[in-house]
Amino acid sequence: MKTVEVKNATDSLGEYARRLAKEPVVVTRRGKPMAALFRVKDTDWETLSLSMNPRFIALIQRSRARHKAKGGIPLAEARRRFKV
């Protein structure tokens, strides 16, 4: 993983993007991480967008907590109910 201090990050965004084929790039401020650039592969725009959406993440967390507390139904049963 490459790190670069924000005040020293003078290359173009395109240059940093090319480096992602080898390793992620973490931008730091006073030695602490403030941003990360990483390669995105095998994904689509919808998945990427939802994975960074705080409301969607909160929904998933609530759903997981409810499932842990109350349980759920097996996948086969869900498919039967929804005729999938």
PDB file of N, CA and C in Angstrom:
ATOM      1  N   MET A   1       0.845  -1.166   0.000  1.00  0.00           N
ATOM      2  CA  MET A   1       0.000   0.000   0.000  1.00  0.00           C
ATOM      3  C   MET A   1       0.896   1.236   0.000  1.00  0.00           C
ATOM      4  N   LYS A   2       0.614   2.134  -0.916  1.00  0.00           N
ATOM      5  CA  LYS A   2       1.369   3.382  -1.021  1.00  0.00           C
ATOM      6  C   LYS A   2       0.671   4.444  -0.187  1.00  0.00           C
ATOM      7  N   THR A   3       1.447   5.234   0.537  1.00  0.00           N
ATOM      8  CA  THR A   3       0.885   6.368   1.261  1.00  0.00           C
ATOM      9  C   THR A   3       1.522   7.647   0.744  1.00  0.00           C
ATOM     10  N   VAL A   4       0.739   8.704   0.741  1.00  0.00           N
ATOM     11  CA  VAL A   4       1.246  10.006   0.313  1.00  0.00           C
ATOM     12  C   VAL A   4       0.605  11.073   1.197  1.00  0.00           C
ATOM     13  N   GLU A   5       1.418  11.951   1.714  1.00  0.00           N
ATOM     14  CA  GLU A   5       0.928  13.070   2.514  1.00  0.00           C
ATOM     15  C   GLU A   5       0.193  14.033   1.587  1.00  0.00           C
ATOM     16  N   VAL A   6      -0.953  14.549   2.023  1.00  0.00           N
ATOM     17  CA  VAL A   6      -1.795  15.367   1.160  1.00  0.00           C
ATOM     18  C   VAL A   6      -1.028  16.556   0.574  1.00  0.00           C
ATOM     19  N   LYS A   7      -0.172  17.174   1.356  1.00  0.00           N
ATOM     20  CA  LYS A   7       0.570  18.333   0.833  1.00  0.00           C
ATOM     21  C   LYS A   7       1.590  17.931  -0.228  1.00  0.00           C
ATOM     22  N   ASN A   8       1.951  16.634  -0.277  1.00  0.00           N
ATOM     23  CA  ASN A   8       2.891  16.139  -1.275  1.00  0.00           C
ATOM     24  C   ASN A   8       2.205  15.437  -2.449  1.00  0.00           C
ATOM     25  N   ALA A   9       0.895  15.388  -2.435  1.00  0.00           N
ATOM     26  CA  ALA A   9       0.141  14.696  -3.493  1.00  0.00           C
ATOM     27  C   ALA A   9      -0.011  15.632  -4.682  1.00  0.00           C
ATOM     28  N   THR A  10       1.049  15.737  -5.466  1.00  0.00           N
ATOM     29  CA  THR A  10       1.069  16.698  -6.565  1.00  0.00           C
ATOM     30  C   THR A  10       0.889  16.061  -7.935  1.00  0.00           C
ATOM     31  N   ASP A  11       0.892  14.713  -8.004  1.00  0.00           N
ATOM     32  CA  ASP A  11       0.655  14.059  -9.293  1.00  0.00           C
ATOM     33  C   ASP A  11      -0.802  14.225  -9.690  1.00  0.00           C
ATOM     34  N   SER A  12      -1.090  14.005 -10.957  1.00  0.00           N
ATOM     35  CA  SER A  12      -2.471  14.098 -11.432  1.00  0.00           C
ATOM     36  C   SER A  12      -3.283  12.923 -10.887  1.00  0.00           C
ATOM     37  N   LEU A  13      -4.581  13.101 -10.830  1.00  0.00           N
ATOM     38  CA  LEU A  13      -5.455  12.019 -10.388  1.00  0.00           C
ATOM     39  C   LEU A  13      -5.293  10.809 -11.297  1.00  0.00           C
ATOM     40  N   GLY A  14      -5.114  11.052 -12.578  1.00  0.00           N
ATOM     41  CA  GLY A  14      -4.899   9.966 -13.533  1.00  0.00           C
ATOM     42  C   GLY A  14      -3.659   9.145 -13.199  1.00  0.00           C
ATOM     43  N   GLU A  15      -2.613   9.811 -12.776  1.00  0.00           N
ATOM     44  CA  GLU A  15      -1.386   9.099 -12.405  1.00  0.00           C
ATOM     45  C   GLU A  15      -1.619   8.230 -11.173  1.00  0.00           C
ATOM     46  N   TYR A  16      -2.302   8.766 -10.186  1.00  0.00           N
ATOM     47  CA  TYR A  16      -2.612   7.949  -9.002  1.00  0.00           C
ATOM     48  C   TYR A  16      -3.511   6.774  -9.390  1.00  0.00           C
ATOM     49  N   ALA A  17      -4.449   6.993 -10.271  1.00  0.00           N
ATOM     50  CA  ALA A  17      -5.349   5.920 -10.716  1.00  0.00           C
ATOM     51  C   ALA A  17      -4.565   4.809 -11.419  1.00  0.00           C
ATOM     52  N   ARG A  18      -3.570   5.161 -12.214  1.00  0.00           N
ATOM     53  CA  ARG A  18      -2.751   4.143 -12.888  1.00  0.00           C
ATOM     54  C   ARG A  18      -1.990   3.289 -11.873  1.00  0.00           C
ATOM     55  N   ARG A  19      -1.601   3.884 -10.779  1.00  0.00           N
ATOM     56  CA  ARG A  19      -0.849   3.148  -9.748  1.00  0.00           C
ATOM     57  C   ARG A  19      -1.721   2.096  -9.040  1.00  0.00           C
ATOM     58  N   LEU A  20      -3.021   2.256  -9.104  1.00  0.00           N
ATOM     59  CA  LEU A  20      -3.919   1.348  -8.395  1.00  0.00           C
ATOM     60  C   LEU A  20      -3.851  -0.076  -8.914  1.00  0.00           C
ATOM     61  N   ALA A  21      -3.355  -0.262 -10.130  1.00  0.00           N
ATOM     62  CA  ALA A  21      -3.201  -1.620 -10.660  1.00  0.00           C
ATOM     63  C   ALA A  21      -2.203  -2.402  -9.803  1.00  0.00           C
ATOM     64  N   LYS A  22      -1.281  -1.689  -9.166  1.00  0.00           N
ATOM     65  CA  LYS A  22      -0.264  -2.346  -8.331  1.00  0.00           C
ATOM     66  C   LYS A  22      -0.652  -2.396  -6.860  1.00  0.00           C
ATOM     67  N   GLU A  23      -1.184  -1.288  -6.341  1.00  0.00           N
ATOM     68  CA  GLU A  23      -1.493  -1.210  -4.917  1.00  0.00           C
ATOM     69  C   GLU A  23      -2.405  -0.027  -4.619  1.00  0.00           C
ATOM     70  N   PRO A  24      -3.173  -0.100  -3.517  1.00  0.00           N
ATOM     71  CA  PRO A  24      -3.999   1.047  -3.109  1.00  0.00           C
ATOM     72  C   PRO A  24      -3.117   2.231  -2.734  1.00  0.00           C
ATOM     73  N   VAL A  25      -3.691   3.416  -2.794  1.00  0.00           N
ATOM     74  CA  VAL A  25      -2.990   4.635  -2.399  1.00  0.00           C
ATOM     75  C   VAL A  25      -3.792   5.273  -1.259  1.00  0.00           C
ATOM     76  N   VAL A  26      -3.130   5.522  -0.131  1.00  0.00           N
ATOM     77  CA  VAL A  26      -3.769   6.172   1.004  1.00  0.00           C
ATOM     78  C   VAL A  26      -3.194   7.571   1.128  1.00  0.00           C
ATOM     79  N   VAL A  27      -4.082   8.561   1.166  1.00  0.00           N
ATOM     80  CA  VAL A  27      -3.679   9.953   1.340  1.00  0.00           C
ATOM     81  C   VAL A  27      -3.777  10.256   2.829  1.00  0.00           C
ATOM     82  N   THR A  28      -2.707  10.830   3.366  1.00  0.00           N
ATOM     83  CA  THR A  28      -2.672  11.127   4.799  1.00  0.00           C
ATOM     84  C   THR A  28      -2.575  12.627   5.041  1.00  0.00           C
ATOM     85  N   ARG A  29      -2.973  13.026   6.239  1.00  0.00           N
ATOM     86  CA  ARG A  29      -2.779  14.403   6.703  1.00  0.00           C
ATOM     87  C   ARG A  29      -2.137  14.287   8.071  1.00  0.00           C
ATOM     88  N   ARG A  30      -0.943  14.826   8.184  1.00  0.00           N
ATOM     89  CA  ARG A  30      -0.156  14.725   9.424  1.00  0.00           C
ATOM     90  C   ARG A  30      -0.001  13.269   9.861  1.00  0.00           C
ATOM     91  N   GLY A  31       0.185  12.391   8.878  1.00  0.00           N
ATOM     92  CA  GLY A  31       0.435  10.984   9.157  1.00  0.00           C
ATOM     93  C   GLY A  31      -0.799  10.131   9.396  1.00  0.00           C
ATOM     94  N   LYS A  32      -1.992  10.738   9.418  1.00  0.00           N
ATOM     95  CA  LYS A  32      -3.225   9.985   9.653  1.00  0.00           C
ATOM     96  C   LYS A  32      -4.003   9.846   8.351  1.00  0.00           C
ATOM     97  N   PRO A  33      -4.566   8.668   8.080  1.00  0.00           N
ATOM     98  CA  PRO A  33      -5.313   8.466   6.828  1.00  0.00           C
ATOM     99  C   PRO A  33      -6.504   9.417   6.729  1.00  0.00           C
ATOM    100  N   MET A  34      -6.689  10.005   5.550  1.00  0.00           N
ATOM    101  CA  MET A  34      -7.847  10.865   5.324  1.00  0.00           C
ATOM    102  C   MET A  34      -8.639  10.440   4.087  1.00  0.00           C
ATOM    103  N   ALA A  35      -8.017   9.684   3.196  1.00  0.00           N
ATOM    104  CA  ALA A  35      -8.698   9.202   1.991  1.00  0.00           C
ATOM    105  C   ALA A  35      -7.950   7.987   1.471  1.00  0.00           C
ATOM    106  N   ALA A  36      -8.678   7.164   0.742  1.00  0.00           N
ATOM    107  CA  ALA A  36      -8.055   5.980   0.148  1.00  0.00           C
ATOM    108  C   ALA A  36      -8.527   5.828  -1.282  1.00  0.00           C
ATOM    109  N   LEU A  37      -7.606   5.495  -2.150  1.00  0.00           N
ATOM    110  CA  LEU A  37      -7.925   5.170  -3.536  1.00  0.00           C
ATOM    111  C   LEU A  37      -7.632   3.695  -3.719  1.00  0.00           C
ATOM    112  N   PHE A  38      -8.598   2.965  -4.223  1.00  0.00           N
ATOM    113  CA  PHE A  38      -8.395   1.545  -4.442  1.00  0.00           C
ATOM    114  C   PHE A  38      -9.077   1.130  -5.731  1.00  0.00           C
ATOM    115  N   ARG A  39      -8.568   0.067  -6.311  1.00  0.00           N
ATOM    116  CA  ARG A  39      -9.081  -0.427  -7.582  1.00  0.00           C
ATOM    117  C   ARG A  39     -10.460  -1.050  -7.358  1.00  0.00           C
ATOM    118  N   VAL A  40     -11.368  -0.717  -8.241  1.00  0.00           N
ATOM    119  CA  VAL A  40     -12.708  -1.297  -8.196  1.00  0.00           C
ATOM    120  C   VAL A  40     -12.821  -2.225  -9.394  1.00  0.00           C
ATOM    121  N   LYS A  41     -13.025  -3.515  -9.090  1.00  0.00           N
ATOM    122  CA  LYS A  41     -13.168  -4.455 -10.185  1.00  0.00           C
ATOM    123  C   LYS A  41     -14.354  -5.374  -9.890  1.00  0.00           C
ATOM    124  N   ASP A  42     -14.896  -5.930 -10.933  1.00  0.00           N
ATOM    125  CA  ASP A  42     -16.021  -6.858 -10.815  1.00  0.00           C
ATOM    126  C   ASP A  42     -17.197  -6.249 -10.045  1.00  0.00           C
ATOM    127  N   THR A  43     -17.524  -5.006 -10.344  1.00  0.00           N
ATOM    128  CA  THR A  43     -18.677  -4.364  -9.713  1.00  0.00           C
ATOM    129  C   THR A  43     -19.390  -3.497 -10.735  1.00  0.00           C
ATOM    130  N   ASP A  44     -20.556  -3.020 -10.377  1.00  0.00           N
ATOM    131  CA  ASP A  44     -21.310  -2.133 -11.250  1.00  0.00           C
ATOM    132  C   ASP A  44     -21.596  -0.833 -10.495  1.00  0.00           C
ATOM    133  N   TRP A  45     -22.155   0.149 -11.202  1.00  0.00           N
ATOM    134  CA  TRP A  45     -22.407   1.457 -10.595  1.00  0.00           C
ATOM    135  C   TRP A  45     -23.365   1.369  -9.419  1.00  0.00           C
ATOM    136  N   GLU A  46     -24.411   0.550  -9.542  1.00  0.00           N
ATOM    137  CA  GLU A  46     -25.403   0.437  -8.467  1.00  0.00           C
ATOM    138  C   GLU A  46     -24.773  -0.125  -7.193  1.00  0.00           C
ATOM    139  N   THR A  47     -24.013  -1.192  -7.325  1.00  0.00           N
ATOM    140  CA  THR A  47     -23.356  -1.801  -6.169  1.00  0.00           C
ATOM    141  C   THR A  47     -22.387  -0.817  -5.517  1.00  0.00           C
ATOM    142  N   LEU A  48     -21.611  -0.140  -6.320  1.00  0.00           N
ATOM    143  CA  LEU A  48     -20.653   0.835  -5.803  1.00  0.00           C
ATOM    144  C   LEU A  48     -21.372   1.965  -5.075  1.00  0.00           C
ATOM    145  N   SER A  49     -22.416   2.478  -5.678  1.00  0.00           N
ATOM    146  CA  SER A  49     -23.177   3.574  -5.090  1.00  0.00           C
ATOM    147  C   SER A  49     -23.798   3.167  -3.760  1.00  0.00           C
ATOM    148  N   LEU A  50     -24.437   1.997  -3.719  1.00  0.00           N
ATOM    149  CA  LEU A  50     -25.087   1.540  -2.486  1.00  0.00           C
ATOM    150  C   LEU A  50     -24.078   1.249  -1.389  1.00  0.00           C
ATOM    151  N   SER A  51     -22.897   0.759  -1.755  1.00  0.00           N
ATOM    152  CA  SER A  51     -21.903   0.414  -0.740  1.00  0.00           C
ATOM    153  C   SER A  51     -21.361   1.644  -0.017  1.00  0.00           C
ATOM    154  N   MET A  52     -21.601   2.830  -0.554  1.00  0.00           N
ATOM    155  CA  MET A  52     -21.130   4.059   0.083  1.00  0.00           C
ATOM    156  C   MET A  52     -22.282   4.943   0.563  1.00  0.00           C
ATOM    157  N   ASN A  53     -23.504   4.413   0.517  1.00  0.00           N
ATOM    158  CA  ASN A  53     -24.671   5.194   0.899  1.00  0.00           C
ATOM    159  C   ASN A  53     -24.985   4.960   2.382  1.00  0.00           C
ATOM    160  N   PRO A  54     -24.835   5.975   3.239  1.00  0.00           N
ATOM    161  CA  PRO A  54     -25.046   5.792   4.673  1.00  0.00           C
ATOM    162  C   PRO A  54     -26.453   5.278   5.018  1.00  0.00           C
ATOM    163  N   ARG A  55     -27.470   5.718   4.300  1.00  0.00           N
ATOM    164  CA  ARG A  55     -28.841   5.260   4.590  1.00  0.00           C
ATOM    165  C   ARG A  55     -28.990   3.774   4.265  1.00  0.00           C
ATOM    166  N   PHE A  56     -28.397   3.338   3.155  1.00  0.00           N
ATOM    167  CA  PHE A  56     -28.473   1.924   2.788  1.00  0.00           C
ATOM    168  C   PHE A  56     -27.692   1.068   3.786  1.00  0.00           C
ATOM    169  N   ILE A  57     -26.522   1.533   4.178  1.00  0.00           N
ATOM    170  CA  ILE A  57     -25.710   0.799   5.149  1.00  0.00           C
ATOM    171  C   ILE A  57     -26.470   0.667   6.470  1.00  0.00           C
ATOM    172  N   ALA A  58     -27.128   1.744   6.913  1.00  0.00           N
ATOM    173  CA  ALA A  58     -27.920   1.692   8.146  1.00  0.00           C
ATOM    174  C   ALA A  58     -29.063   0.686   8.016  1.00  0.00           C
ATOM    175  N   LEU A  59     -29.710   0.645   6.858  1.00  0.00           N
ATOM    176  CA  LEU A  59     -30.785  -0.313   6.611  1.00  0.00           C
ATOM    177  C   LEU A  59     -30.277  -1.746   6.737  1.00  0.00           C
ATOM    178  N   ILE A  60     -29.132  -2.026   6.148  1.00  0.00           N
ATOM    179  CA  ILE A  60     -28.547  -3.367   6.217  1.00  0.00           C
ATOM    180  C   ILE A  60     -28.197  -3.715   7.668  1.00  0.00           C
ATOM    181  N   GLN A  61     -27.627  -2.760   8.401  1.00  0.00           N
ATOM    182  CA  GLN A  61     -27.267  -3.014   9.801  1.00  0.00           C
ATOM    183  C   GLN A  61     -28.502  -3.308  10.649  1.00  0.00           C
ATOM    184  N   ARG A  62     -29.589  -2.549  10.430  1.00  0.00           N
ATOM    185  CA  ARG A  62     -30.836  -2.810  11.168  1.00  0.00           C
ATOM    186  C   ARG A  62     -31.383  -4.186  10.828  1.00  0.00           C
ATOM    187  N   SER A  63     -31.325  -4.529   9.558  1.00  0.00           N
ATOM    188  CA  SER A  63     -31.827  -5.826   9.115  1.00  0.00           C
ATOM    189  C   SER A  63     -31.023  -6.966   9.734  1.00  0.00           C
ATOM    190  N   ARG A  64     -29.708  -6.832   9.758  1.00  0.00           N
ATOM    191  CA  ARG A  64     -28.868  -7.866  10.361  1.00  0.00           C
ATOM    192  C   ARG A  64     -29.132  -8.000  11.856  1.00  0.00           C
ATOM    193  N   ALA A  65     -29.310  -6.865  12.540  1.00  0.00           N
ATOM    194  CA  ALA A  65     -29.594  -6.902  13.974  1.00  0.00           C
ATOM    195  C   ALA A  65     -30.939  -7.577  14.234  1.00  0.00           C
ATOM    196  N   ARG A  66     -31.943  -7.250  13.435  1.00  0.00           N
ATOM    197  CA  ARG A  66     -33.258  -7.866  13.590  1.00  0.00           C
ATOM    198  C   ARG A  66     -33.173  -9.365  13.332  1.00  0.00           C
ATOM    199  N   HIS A  67     -32.428  -9.758  12.307  1.00  0.00           N
ATOM    200  CA  HIS A  67     -32.271 -11.179  11.997  1.00  0.00           C
ATOM    201  C   HIS A  67     -31.583 -11.913  13.144  1.00  0.00           C
ATOM    202  N   LYS A  68     -30.568 -11.286  13.713  1.00  0.00           N
ATOM    203  CA  LYS A  68     -29.844 -11.908  14.827  1.00  0.00           C
ATOM    204  C   LYS A  68     -30.764 -12.067  16.040  1.00  0.00           C
ATOM    205  N   ALA A  69     -31.609 -11.058  16.298  1.00  0.00           N
ATOM    206  CA  ALA A  69     -32.484 -11.091  17.470  1.00  0.00           C
ATOM    207  C   ALA A  69     -33.694 -12.005  17.280  1.00  0.00           C
ATOM    208  N   LYS A  70     -34.274 -11.984  16.091  1.00  0.00           N
ATOM    209  CA  LYS A  70     -35.534 -12.698  15.880  1.00  0.00           C
ATOM    210  C   LYS A  70     -35.432 -13.887  14.943  1.00  0.00           C
ATOM    211  N   GLY A  71     -34.310 -14.030  14.269  1.00  0.00           N
ATOM    212  CA  GLY A  71     -34.159 -15.129  13.323  1.00  0.00           C
ATOM    213  C   GLY A  71     -34.725 -14.759  11.953  1.00  0.00           C
ATOM    214  N   GLY A  72     -34.704 -15.723  11.075  1.00  0.00           N
ATOM    215  CA  GLY A  72     -35.192 -15.493   9.723  1.00  0.00           C
ATOM    216  C   GLY A  72     -35.752 -16.778   9.149  1.00  0.00           C
ATOM    217  N   ILE A  73     -35.884 -16.801   7.851  1.00  0.00           N
ATOM    218  CA  ILE A  73     -36.387 -18.006   7.187  1.00  0.00           C
ATOM    219  C   ILE A  73     -35.326 -18.509   6.218  1.00  0.00           C
ATOM    220  N   PRO A  74     -35.275 -19.806   5.994  1.00  0.00           N
ATOM    221  CA  PRO A  74     -34.306 -20.355   5.050  1.00  0.00           C
ATOM    222  C   PRO A  74     -34.555 -19.836   3.633  1.00  0.00           C
ATOM    223  N   LEU A  75     -33.523 -19.787   2.826  1.00  0.00           N
ATOM    224  CA  LEU A  75     -33.621 -19.310   1.451  1.00  0.00           C
ATOM    225  C   LEU A  75     -34.659 -20.095   0.664  1.00  0.00           C
ATOM    226  N   ALA A  76     -34.698 -21.401   0.841  1.00  0.00           N
ATOM    227  CA  ALA A  76     -35.670 -22.227   0.108  1.00  0.00           C
ATOM    228  C   ALA A  76     -37.103 -21.794   0.425  1.00  0.00           C
ATOM    229  N   GLU A  77     -37.359 -21.447   1.682  1.00  0.00           N
ATOM    230  CA  GLU A  77     -38.694 -20.990   2.077  1.00  0.00           C
ATOM    231  C   GLU A  77     -39.012 -19.637   1.454  1.00  0.00           C
ATOM    232  N   ALA A  78     -38.038 -18.737   1.439  1.00  0.00           N
ATOM    233  CA  ALA A  78     -38.249 -17.426   0.811  1.00  0.00           C
ATOM    234  C   ALA A  78     -38.554 -17.598  -0.677  1.00  0.00           C
ATOM    235  N   ARG A  79     -37.831 -18.463  -1.354  1.00  0.00           N
ATOM    236  CA  ARG A  79     -38.086 -18.714  -2.770  1.00  0.00           C
ATOM    237  C   ARG A  79     -39.475 -19.293  -2.996  1.00  0.00           C
ATOM    238  N   ARG A  80     -39.878 -20.194  -2.099  1.00  0.00           N
ATOM    239  CA  ARG A  80     -41.204 -20.784  -2.227  1.00  0.00           C
ATOM    240  C   ARG A  80     -42.277 -19.705  -2.069  1.00  0.00           C
ATOM    241  N   ARG A  81     -42.110 -18.844  -1.069  1.00  0.00           N
ATOM    242  CA  ARG A  81     -43.094 -17.793  -0.816  1.00  0.00           C
ATOM    243  C   ARG A  81     -43.190 -16.790  -1.969  1.00  0.00           C
ATOM    244  N   PHE A  82     -42.041 -16.463  -2.563  1.00  0.00           N
ATOM    245  CA  PHE A  82     -42.025 -15.471  -3.637  1.00  0.00           C
ATOM    246  C   PHE A  82     -42.041 -16.110  -5.032  1.00  0.00           C
ATOM    247  N   LYS A  83     -42.162 -17.434  -5.063  1.00  0.00           N
ATOM    248  CA  LYS A  83     -42.255 -18.178  -6.315  1.00  0.00           C
ATOM    249  C   LYS A  83     -41.101 -17.852  -7.258  1.00  0.00           C
ATOM    250  N   VAL A  84     -39.895 -17.906  -6.714  1.00  0.00           N
ATOM    251  CA  VAL A  84     -38.687 -17.625  -7.498  1.00  0.00           C
ATOM    252  C   VAL A  84     -38.038 -18.917  -7.914  1.00  0.00           C
TER     253      VAL A  84
END
